């Protein structure tokens, strides 16, 4: 299940970064929210694995 979530987040991150760098969106709020949420999830999992 974690692998599916990670792959989904990576696809969403790639899509968000593509929209931000190519300028295809008039408003980048959703793209930045996707990146921020995935960063929180990845850092949470990293901290659980490394017991920080």
N, C-alpha and C. Protein backbone atom coordinates (compact mmCIF):
# COMPACT_ATOMS: atom_id res chain seq x y z
N UNK A 1 0.82 -1.20 0.00
CA UNK A 1 0.00 0.00 0.00
C UNK A 1 0.86 1.26 0.00
N UNK A 2 1.98 1.22 0.78
CA UNK A 2 2.85 2.40 0.82
C UNK A 2 3.45 2.69 -0.55
N UNK A 3 3.78 1.64 -1.28
CA UNK A 3 4.38 1.83 -2.59
C UNK A 3 3.40 2.54 -3.53
N UNK A 4 2.13 2.17 -3.45
CA UNK A 4 1.11 2.81 -4.28
C UNK A 4 0.96 4.28 -3.92
N UNK A 5 0.99 4.60 -2.64
CA UNK A 5 0.89 5.99 -2.21
C UNK A 5 2.12 6.78 -2.66
N UNK A 6 3.29 6.19 -2.52
CA UNK A 6 4.52 6.86 -2.94
C UNK A 6 4.52 7.12 -4.44
N UNK A 7 4.14 6.13 -5.22
CA UNK A 7 4.09 6.31 -6.67
C UNK A 7 3.06 7.37 -7.07
N UNK A 8 1.92 7.38 -6.40
CA UNK A 8 0.91 8.39 -6.68
C UNK A 8 1.42 9.78 -6.34
N UNK A 9 2.09 9.92 -5.20
CA UNK A 9 2.66 11.21 -4.84
C UNK A 9 3.72 11.66 -5.83
N UNK A 10 4.55 10.74 -6.28
CA UNK A 10 5.58 11.11 -7.25
C UNK A 10 4.97 11.57 -8.57
N UNK A 11 3.92 10.91 -9.01
CA UNK A 11 3.23 11.32 -10.25
C UNK A 11 2.61 12.70 -10.06
N UNK A 12 1.95 12.92 -8.92
CA UNK A 12 1.36 14.24 -8.65
C UNK A 12 2.43 15.32 -8.54
N UNK A 13 3.56 15.00 -7.90
CA UNK A 13 4.66 15.96 -7.80
C UNK A 13 5.21 16.32 -9.17
N UNK A 14 5.39 15.31 -10.01
CA UNK A 14 5.90 15.57 -11.35
C UNK A 14 4.93 16.46 -12.13
N UNK A 15 3.64 16.15 -12.02
CA UNK A 15 2.64 16.95 -12.73
C UNK A 15 2.62 18.39 -12.21
N UNK A 16 2.71 18.55 -10.90
CA UNK A 16 2.71 19.89 -10.32
C UNK A 16 3.94 20.67 -10.75
N UNK A 17 5.10 20.04 -10.70
CA UNK A 17 6.32 20.73 -11.12
C UNK A 17 6.30 21.06 -12.61
N UNK A 18 5.72 20.19 -13.40
CA UNK A 18 5.61 20.46 -14.84
C UNK A 18 4.72 21.67 -15.08
N UNK A 19 3.59 21.75 -14.38
CA UNK A 19 2.71 22.91 -14.54
C UNK A 19 3.39 24.20 -14.09
N UNK A 20 4.14 24.12 -12.99
CA UNK A 20 4.81 25.31 -12.47
C UNK A 20 5.91 25.78 -13.43
N UNK A 21 6.70 24.85 -13.94
CA UNK A 21 7.83 25.25 -14.78
C UNK A 21 7.42 25.63 -16.20
N UNK A 22 6.34 25.07 -16.71
CA UNK A 22 5.93 25.41 -18.07
C UNK A 22 4.94 26.56 -18.11
N UNK A 23 4.35 26.91 -16.97
CA UNK A 23 3.43 28.04 -16.93
C UNK A 23 2.08 27.75 -17.54
N UNK A 24 1.61 26.50 -17.47
CA UNK A 24 0.33 26.15 -18.08
C UNK A 24 -0.87 26.48 -17.20
N UNK A 25 -0.64 26.85 -15.96
CA UNK A 25 -1.75 27.13 -15.03
C UNK A 25 -1.80 28.62 -14.72
N UNK A 26 -3.00 29.19 -14.65
CA UNK A 26 -3.09 30.60 -14.27
C UNK A 26 -2.89 30.82 -12.76
N UNK A 27 -3.16 29.78 -11.95
CA UNK A 27 -3.02 29.88 -10.51
C UNK A 27 -2.30 28.63 -10.01
N UNK A 28 -1.22 28.82 -9.28
CA UNK A 28 -0.39 27.69 -8.86
C UNK A 28 -0.68 27.22 -7.44
N UNK A 29 -1.77 27.64 -6.85
CA UNK A 29 -2.08 27.29 -5.47
C UNK A 29 -2.18 25.79 -5.28
N UNK A 30 -2.90 25.11 -6.14
CA UNK A 30 -3.06 23.66 -6.02
C UNK A 30 -1.73 22.94 -6.21
N UNK A 31 -0.92 23.41 -7.15
CA UNK A 31 0.37 22.77 -7.40
C UNK A 31 1.28 22.88 -6.18
N UNK A 32 1.34 24.07 -5.59
CA UNK A 32 2.17 24.24 -4.40
C UNK A 32 1.60 23.46 -3.22
N UNK A 33 0.28 23.34 -3.11
CA UNK A 33 -0.33 22.56 -2.04
C UNK A 33 0.03 21.08 -2.20
N UNK A 34 0.02 20.57 -3.43
CA UNK A 34 0.40 19.18 -3.68
C UNK A 34 1.85 18.94 -3.27
N UNK A 35 2.73 19.85 -3.65
CA UNK A 35 4.15 19.71 -3.29
C UNK A 35 4.35 19.78 -1.78
N UNK A 36 3.65 20.69 -1.12
CA UNK A 36 3.79 20.82 0.34
C UNK A 36 3.26 19.58 1.05
N UNK A 37 2.11 19.08 0.62
CA UNK A 37 1.53 17.90 1.25
C UNK A 37 2.43 16.68 1.06
N UNK A 38 2.95 16.51 -0.13
CA UNK A 38 3.82 15.35 -0.36
C UNK A 38 5.12 15.48 0.42
N UNK A 39 5.64 16.69 0.59
CA UNK A 39 6.84 16.87 1.39
C UNK A 39 6.58 16.49 2.85
N UNK A 40 5.41 16.87 3.36
CA UNK A 40 5.07 16.51 4.74
C UNK A 40 4.96 14.99 4.88
N UNK A 41 4.32 14.34 3.93
CA UNK A 41 4.16 12.88 3.99
C UNK A 41 5.51 12.18 3.88
N UNK A 42 6.34 12.61 2.92
CA UNK A 42 7.65 12.00 2.77
C UNK A 42 8.51 12.20 4.02
N UNK A 43 8.51 13.39 4.60
CA UNK A 43 9.29 13.64 5.81
C UNK A 43 8.76 12.84 6.99
N UNK A 44 7.45 12.69 7.08
CA UNK A 44 6.87 11.87 8.15
C UNK A 44 7.35 10.42 8.03
N UNK A 45 7.29 9.88 6.83
CA UNK A 45 7.74 8.50 6.63
C UNK A 45 9.24 8.36 6.87
N UNK A 46 10.01 9.35 6.44
CA UNK A 46 11.46 9.33 6.67
C UNK A 46 11.76 9.31 8.16
N UNK A 47 11.07 10.16 8.91
CA UNK A 47 11.30 10.21 10.36
C UNK A 47 10.88 8.91 11.04
N UNK A 48 9.83 8.27 10.58
CA UNK A 48 9.41 7.01 11.18
C UNK A 48 10.41 5.90 10.89
N UNK A 49 10.97 5.90 9.68
CA UNK A 49 11.93 4.87 9.32
C UNK A 49 13.23 5.06 10.08
N UNK A 50 13.69 6.29 10.18
CA UNK A 50 14.97 6.58 10.83
C UNK A 50 14.84 6.91 12.31
N UNK A 51 13.65 6.89 12.83
CA UNK A 51 13.37 7.12 14.27
C UNK A 51 14.01 8.39 14.79
N UNK A 52 13.80 9.47 14.06
CA UNK A 52 14.34 10.78 14.48
C UNK A 52 13.36 11.44 15.44
